[in-house]
Amino acid sequence: MSEKKSDKEILEDVESIGEDLAGVEEAQESVDGVEEDVVDELEATKEELSKQKDQVLRIAAEFENYKKRMMRERNNAMKYAGEPIFREILPAVDNLERAITQGEAEDVEVDQALSSLLEGVRLTLKSLLAGLEKFDVTSIESVGEPFDPVSQEALTMEASDIVPANHVLSEFEKGYQYKDRLLRAAKVIVSSGA
């Protein structure tokens, strides 16, 4: 075999090189297409990330506004928490004012004025107690019951043939509780027995 290549072989080599070049160009076009796809995908991902970031920032801002609004509402609720109680007390104040007006009337006899005044005070007390019961404030019954140092305060002891020793003889001031908590201890006189 000669070292010289024939024209036919050279032509085959050139064709082979041409085919290789065509394959390289196709590969380059394919790589260029993949690069464009990757760049497009990267841009789309960046855009989506930007939208998500904006959405997270908006949610965080809405949550901060919600917390501030809840704090304002809580402060207002605490500030005006006693309002319903005062609304219940105002009719009792009105009744007391009416009772005083009736007691001061000049054209009414003394017995009738005193009777009207006493009836007005009774109605006012009833109204006040009803208002207190709406808010779960109840009186503690003490008279005749055994002395309880938790809910009663002994002012003094007196001898009694009727009430047994260490039982409440009489109340000086009623005790009250709010729901299950002692609001005010009853001030009582305790029997020392016979």
C-alpha atoms as a PDB file:
ATOM      1  CA  MET A   1       0.000   0.000   0.000  1.00  0.00           C
ATOM      2  CA  SER A   2       1.190   3.318  -0.824  1.00  0.00           C
ATOM      3  CA  GLU A   3       1.358   6.120   1.518  1.00  0.00           C
ATOM      4  CA  LYS A   4      -0.290   8.317  -0.895  1.00  0.00           C
ATOM      5  CA  LYS A   5      -3.987   8.393  -0.620  1.00  0.00           C
ATOM      6  CA  SER A   6      -6.036   8.123  -3.592  1.00  0.00           C
ATOM      7  CA  ASP A   7      -8.437  10.793  -4.620  1.00  0.00           C
ATOM      8  CA  LYS A   8     -11.216   8.541  -3.608  1.00  0.00           C
ATOM      9  CA  GLU A   9      -9.846   8.141  -0.105  1.00  0.00           C
ATOM     10  CA  ILE A  10      -9.239  11.858   0.178  1.00  0.00           C
ATOM     11  CA  LEU A  11     -12.793  12.481  -0.922  1.00  0.00           C
ATOM     12  CA  GLU A  12     -14.044  10.024   1.690  1.00  0.00           C
ATOM     13  CA  ASP A  13     -11.926  11.747   4.337  1.00  0.00           C
ATOM     14  CA  VAL A  14     -13.287  15.157   3.320  1.00  0.00           C
ATOM     15  CA  GLU A  15     -16.825  13.830   3.408  1.00  0.00           C
ATOM     16  CA  SER A  16     -16.155  12.296   6.823  1.00  0.00           C
ATOM     17  CA  ILE A  17     -14.752  15.613   8.059  1.00  0.00           C
ATOM     18  CA  GLY A  18     -17.791  17.399   6.576  1.00  0.00           C
ATOM     19  CA  GLU A  19     -20.125  14.991   8.360  1.00  0.00           C
ATOM     20  CA  ASP A  20     -18.184  15.515  11.592  1.00  0.00           C
ATOM     21  CA  LEU A  21     -18.431  19.280  11.134  1.00  0.00           C
ATOM     22  CA  ALA A  22     -22.153  18.989  10.496  1.00  0.00           C
ATOM     23  CA  GLY A  23     -22.485  16.917  13.687  1.00  0.00           C
ATOM     24  CA  VAL A  24     -20.501  19.540  15.594  1.00  0.00           C
ATOM     25  CA  GLU A  25     -22.709  22.308  14.217  1.00  0.00           C
ATOM     26  CA  GLU A  26     -25.833  20.355  15.149  1.00  0.00           C
ATOM     27  CA  ALA A  27     -24.384  19.742  18.603  1.00  0.00           C
ATOM     28  CA  GLN A  28     -23.557  23.459  18.882  1.00  0.00           C
ATOM     29  CA  GLU A  29     -27.126  24.386  17.841  1.00  0.00           C
ATOM     30  CA  SER A  30     -28.459  21.852  20.317  1.00  0.00           C
ATOM     31  CA  VAL A  31     -26.249  23.310  23.081  1.00  0.00           C
ATOM     32  CA  ASP A  32     -27.349  26.828  22.106  1.00  0.00           C
ATOM     33  CA  GLY A  33     -30.999  25.688  22.279  1.00  0.00           C
ATOM     34  CA  VAL A  34     -30.425  24.083  25.682  1.00  0.00           C
ATOM     35  CA  GLU A  35     -28.694  27.255  26.915  1.00  0.00           C
ATOM     36  CA  GLU A  36     -31.664  29.354  25.774  1.00  0.00           C
ATOM     37  CA  ASP A  37     -34.061  26.944  27.492  1.00  0.00           C
ATOM     38  CA  VAL A  38     -32.014  27.061  30.711  1.00  0.00           C
ATOM     39  CA  VAL A  39     -31.834  30.867  30.562  1.00  0.00           C
ATOM     40  CA  ASP A  40     -35.594  31.087  29.937  1.00  0.00           C
ATOM     41  CA  GLU A  41     -36.272  28.658  32.780  1.00  0.00           C
ATOM     42  CA  LEU A  42     -33.952  30.627  35.074  1.00  0.00           C
ATOM     43  CA  GLU A  43     -35.752  33.870  34.234  1.00  0.00           C
ATOM     44  CA  ALA A  44     -39.135  32.253  34.895  1.00  0.00           C
ATOM     45  CA  THR A  45     -37.872  30.889  38.229  1.00  0.00           C
ATOM     46  CA  LYS A  46     -36.525  34.325  39.185  1.00  0.00           C
ATOM     47  CA  GLU A  47     -39.876  35.892  38.328  1.00  0.00           C
ATOM     48  CA  GLU A  48     -41.774  33.263  40.356  1.00  0.00           C
ATOM     49  CA  LEU A  49     -39.373  33.755  43.276  1.00  0.00           C
ATOM     50  CA  SER A  50     -39.953  37.506  43.126  1.00  0.00           C
ATOM     51  CA  LYS A  51     -43.744  36.970  43.188  1.00  0.00           C
ATOM     52  CA  GLN A  52     -43.465  34.564  46.151  1.00  0.00           C
ATOM     53  CA  LYS A  53     -41.219  37.003  48.033  1.00  0.00           C
ATOM     54  CA  ASP A  54     -43.707  39.819  47.448  1.00  0.00           C
ATOM     55  CA  GLN A  55     -46.557  37.600  48.645  1.00  0.00           C
ATOM     56  CA  VAL A  56     -44.656  36.633  51.822  1.00  0.00           C
ATOM     57  CA  LEU A  57     -43.917  40.316  52.551  1.00  0.00           C
ATOM     58  CA  ARG A  58     -47.601  41.186  52.120  1.00  0.00           C
ATOM     59  CA  ILE A  59     -48.677  38.372  54.428  1.00  0.00           C
ATOM     60  CA  ALA A  60     -46.140  39.504  57.036  1.00  0.00           C
ATOM     61  CA  ALA A  61     -47.424  43.099  56.796  1.00  0.00           C
ATOM     62  CA  GLU A  62     -51.048  41.912  57.107  1.00  0.00           C
ATOM     63  CA  PHE A  63     -50.126  39.854  60.172  1.00  0.00           C
ATOM     64  CA  GLU A  64     -48.434  42.866  61.805  1.00  0.00           C
ATOM     65  CA  ASN A  65     -51.532  44.970  61.130  1.00  0.00           C
ATOM     66  CA  TYR A  66     -53.715  42.197  62.568  1.00  0.00           C
ATOM     67  CA  LYS A  67     -51.590  42.061  65.742  1.00  0.00           C
ATOM     68  CA  LYS A  68     -51.808  45.856  66.164  1.00  0.00           C
ATOM     69  CA  ARG A  69     -55.590  45.824  65.618  1.00  0.00           C
ATOM     70  CA  MET A  70     -56.059  42.993  68.144  1.00  0.00           C
ATOM     71  CA  MET A  71     -53.915  44.867  70.683  1.00  0.00           C
ATOM     72  CA  ARG A  72     -56.033  48.024  70.218  1.00  0.00           C
ATOM     73  CA  GLU A  73     -59.263  46.044  70.578  1.00  0.00           C
ATOM     74  CA  ARG A  74     -57.929  44.269  73.671  1.00  0.00           C
ATOM     75  CA  ASN A  75     -56.897  47.577  75.257  1.00  0.00           C
ATOM     76  CA  ASN A  76     -60.344  49.047  74.547  1.00  0.00           C
ATOM     77  CA  ALA A  77     -62.044  45.966  75.973  1.00  0.00           C
ATOM     78  CA  MET A  78     -59.937  46.236  79.136  1.00  0.00           C
ATOM     79  CA  LYS A  79     -60.500  49.989  79.368  1.00  0.00           C
ATOM     80  CA  TYR A  80     -64.289  49.706  79.157  1.00  0.00           C
ATOM     81  CA  ALA A  81     -64.752  46.299  80.819  1.00  0.00           C
ATOM     82  CA  GLY A  82     -66.747  47.792  83.707  1.00  0.00           C
ATOM     83  CA  GLU A  83     -69.294  49.519  81.473  1.00  0.00           C
ATOM     84  CA  PRO A  84     -72.004  46.810  81.726  1.00  0.00           C
ATOM     85  CA  ILE A  85     -71.744  46.849  85.520  1.00  0.00           C
ATOM     86  CA  PHE A  86     -72.223  50.609  85.644  1.00  0.00           C
ATOM     87  CA  ARG A  87     -75.222  50.361  83.325  1.00  0.00           C
ATOM     88  CA  GLU A  88     -76.808  47.987  85.853  1.00  0.00           C
ATOM     89  CA  ILE A  89     -76.059  50.305  88.803  1.00  0.00           C
ATOM     90  CA  LEU A  90     -77.493  53.477  87.228  1.00  0.00           C
ATOM     91  CA  PRO A  91     -81.175  52.437  87.660  1.00  0.00           C
ATOM     92  CA  ALA A  92     -80.477  51.924  91.382  1.00  0.00           C
ATOM     93  CA  VAL A  93     -79.053  55.450  91.564  1.00  0.00           C
ATOM     94  CA  ASP A  94     -82.205  56.744  89.827  1.00  0.00           C
ATOM     95  CA  ASN A  95     -84.398  54.884  92.342  1.00  0.00           C
ATOM     96  CA  LEU A  96     -82.473  56.338  95.296  1.00  0.00           C
ATOM     97  CA  GLU A  97     -82.879  59.833  93.882  1.00  0.00           C
ATOM     98  CA  ARG A  98     -86.635  59.263  93.492  1.00  0.00           C
ATOM     99  CA  ALA A  99     -86.864  57.932  97.075  1.00  0.00           C
ATOM    100  CA  ILE A 100     -85.097  61.027  98.396  1.00  0.00           C
ATOM    101  CA  THR A 101     -87.435  63.262  96.381  1.00  0.00           C
ATOM    102  CA  GLN A 102     -90.460  61.423  97.822  1.00  0.00           C
ATOM    103  CA  GLY A 103     -89.076  61.750 101.349  1.00  0.00           C
ATOM    104  CA  GLU A 104     -88.574  65.501 100.939  1.00  0.00           C
ATOM    105  CA  ALA A 105     -92.056  66.200  99.533  1.00  0.00           C
ATOM    106  CA  GLU A 106     -93.731  68.859 101.709  1.00  0.00           C
ATOM    107  CA  ASP A 107     -97.381  68.179 100.978  1.00  0.00           C
ATOM    108  CA  VAL A 108     -97.204  64.537 102.187  1.00  0.00           C
ATOM    109  CA  GLU A 109     -97.710  63.357 105.769  1.00  0.00           C
ATOM    110  CA  VAL A 110     -94.611  62.161 107.635  1.00  0.00           C
ATOM    111  CA  ASP A 111     -95.816  58.559 107.997  1.00  0.00           C
ATOM    112  CA  GLN A 112     -96.712  58.324 104.318  1.00  0.00           C
ATOM    113  CA  ALA A 113     -93.387  59.930 103.268  1.00  0.00           C
ATOM    114  CA  LEU A 114     -91.446  57.531 105.492  1.00  0.00           C
ATOM    115  CA  SER A 115     -93.388  54.579 104.144  1.00  0.00           C
ATOM    116  CA  SER A 116     -92.743  55.691 100.528  1.00  0.00           C
ATOM    117  CA  LEU A 117     -89.076  56.246 101.314  1.00  0.00           C
ATOM    118  CA  LEU A 118     -88.758  52.786 102.882  1.00  0.00           C
ATOM    119  CA  GLU A 119     -90.510  51.151  99.922  1.00  0.00           C
ATOM    120  CA  GLY A 120     -88.201  53.029  97.504  1.00  0.00           C
ATOM    121  CA  VAL A 121     -85.119  51.832  99.378  1.00  0.00           C
ATOM    122  CA  ARG A 122     -86.413  48.238  99.332  1.00  0.00           C
ATOM    123  CA  LEU A 123     -86.991  48.397  95.578  1.00  0.00           C
ATOM    124  CA  THR A 124     -83.557  49.911  95.055  1.00  0.00           C
ATOM    125  CA  LEU A 125     -81.909  47.158  97.099  1.00  0.00           C
ATOM    126  CA  LYS A 126     -83.806  44.540  95.117  1.00  0.00           C
ATOM    127  CA  SER A 127     -82.691  46.189  91.854  1.00  0.00           C
ATOM    128  CA  LEU A 128     -79.047  46.311  92.988  1.00  0.00           C
ATOM    129  CA  LEU A 129     -79.041  42.676  94.088  1.00  0.00           C
ATOM    130  CA  ALA A 130     -80.578  41.619  90.755  1.00  0.00           C
ATOM    131  CA  GLY A 131     -77.858  43.561  88.922  1.00  0.00           C
ATOM    132  CA  LEU A 132     -75.146  41.937  91.011  1.00  0.00           C
ATOM    133  CA  GLU A 133     -76.578  38.474  90.346  1.00  0.00           C
ATOM    134  CA  LYS A 134     -76.310  39.119  86.585  1.00  0.00           C
ATOM    135  CA  PHE A 135     -72.556  39.353  87.094  1.00  0.00           C
ATOM    136  CA  ASP A 136     -72.390  36.252  89.344  1.00  0.00           C
ATOM    137  CA  VAL A 137     -72.009  38.200  92.609  1.00  0.00           C
ATOM    138  CA  THR A 138     -73.921  36.386  95.359  1.00  0.00           C
ATOM    139  CA  SER A 139     -74.278  36.919  99.086  1.00  0.00           C
ATOM    140  CA  ILE A 140     -72.935  34.414 101.600  1.00  0.00           C
ATOM    141  CA  GLU A 141     -75.536  33.174 104.078  1.00  0.00           C
ATOM    142  CA  SER A 142     -74.024  33.169 107.568  1.00  0.00           C
ATOM    143  CA  VAL A 143     -76.685  33.425 110.310  1.00  0.00           C
ATOM    144  CA  GLY A 144     -77.133  30.079 112.084  1.00  0.00           C
ATOM    145  CA  GLU A 145     -74.275  28.480 110.133  1.00  0.00           C
ATOM    146  CA  PRO A 146     -71.024  27.248 111.729  1.00  0.00           C
ATOM    147  CA  PHE A 147     -68.329  29.925 111.833  1.00  0.00           C
ATOM    148  CA  ASP A 148     -66.014  29.691 108.788  1.00  0.00           C
ATOM    149  CA  PRO A 149     -62.834  31.793 109.105  1.00  0.00           C
ATOM    150  CA  VAL A 150     -62.302  31.614 105.324  1.00  0.00           C
ATOM    151  CA  SER A 151     -65.480  33.488 104.426  1.00  0.00           C
ATOM    152  CA  GLN A 152     -66.344  35.172 107.744  1.00  0.00           C
ATOM    153  CA  GLU A 153     -64.662  37.632 110.053  1.00  0.00           C
ATOM    154  CA  ALA A 154     -65.629  37.428 113.732  1.00  0.00           C
ATOM    155  CA  LEU A 155     -66.131  40.825 115.329  1.00  0.00           C
ATOM    156  CA  THR A 156     -67.060  39.534 118.777  1.00  0.00           C
ATOM    157  CA  MET A 157     -68.588  36.599 120.659  1.00  0.00           C
ATOM    158  CA  GLU A 158     -71.842  36.691 122.587  1.00  0.00           C
ATOM    159  CA  ALA A 159     -73.552  34.163 124.794  1.00  0.00           C
ATOM    160  CA  SER A 160     -76.730  32.587 123.414  1.00  0.00           C
ATOM    161  CA  ASP A 161     -79.111  29.886 124.662  1.00  0.00           C
ATOM    162  CA  ILE A 162     -80.606  29.404 121.180  1.00  0.00           C
ATOM    163  CA  VAL A 163     -77.571  29.326 118.847  1.00  0.00           C
ATOM    164  CA  PRO A 164     -74.923  26.642 119.571  1.00  0.00           C
ATOM    165  CA  ALA A 165     -71.310  27.601 120.283  1.00  0.00           C
ATOM    166  CA  ASN A 166     -69.118  28.570 117.299  1.00  0.00           C
ATOM    167  CA  HIS A 167     -72.136  29.289 115.125  1.00  0.00           C
ATOM    168  CA  VAL A 168     -72.989  32.714 113.675  1.00  0.00           C
ATOM    169  CA  LEU A 169     -75.421  34.592 115.895  1.00  0.00           C
ATOM    170  CA  SER A 170     -75.920  37.646 113.658  1.00  0.00           C
ATOM    171  CA  GLU A 171     -74.376  39.531 110.754  1.00  0.00           C
ATOM    172  CA  PHE A 172     -72.985  43.010 111.012  1.00  0.00           C
ATOM    173  CA  GLU A 173     -72.101  43.103 107.310  1.00  0.00           C
ATOM    174  CA  LYS A 174     -72.970  40.516 104.627  1.00  0.00           C
ATOM    175  CA  GLY A 175     -70.243  38.687 102.771  1.00  0.00           C
ATOM    176  CA  TYR A 176     -70.202  38.342  98.988  1.00  0.00           C
ATOM    177  CA  GLN A 177     -68.475  36.128  96.485  1.00  0.00           C
ATOM    178  CA  TYR A 178     -67.809  36.663  92.803  1.00  0.00           C
ATOM    179  CA  LYS A 179     -68.233  33.377  90.924  1.00  0.00           C
ATOM    180  CA  ASP A 180     -66.060  31.057  93.045  1.00  0.00           C
ATOM    181  CA  ARG A 181     -63.851  33.748  94.601  1.00  0.00           C
ATOM    182  CA  LEU A 182     -64.458  35.564  97.896  1.00  0.00           C
ATOM    183  CA  LEU A 183     -65.205  39.220  97.206  1.00  0.00           C
ATOM    184  CA  ARG A 184     -65.756  40.331 100.805  1.00  0.00           C
ATOM    185  CA  ALA A 185     -65.806  38.358 104.033  1.00  0.00           C
ATOM    186  CA  ALA A 186     -68.934  38.588 106.179  1.00  0.00           C
ATOM    187  CA  LYS A 187     -68.484  40.440 109.489  1.00  0.00           C
ATOM    188  CA  VAL A 188     -70.332  38.400 112.076  1.00  0.00           C
ATOM    189  CA  ILE A 189     -71.025  37.953 115.773  1.00  0.00           C
ATOM    190  CA  VAL A 190     -70.317  34.397 116.881  1.00  0.00           C
ATOM    191  CA  SER A 191     -72.169  32.556 119.629  1.00  0.00           C
ATOM    192  CA  SER A 192     -70.112  31.401 122.613  1.00  0.00           C
ATOM    193  CA  GLY A 193     -72.908  29.043 123.710  1.00  0.00           C
ATOM    194  CA  ALA A 194     -74.921  29.158 126.905  1.00  0.00           C
END
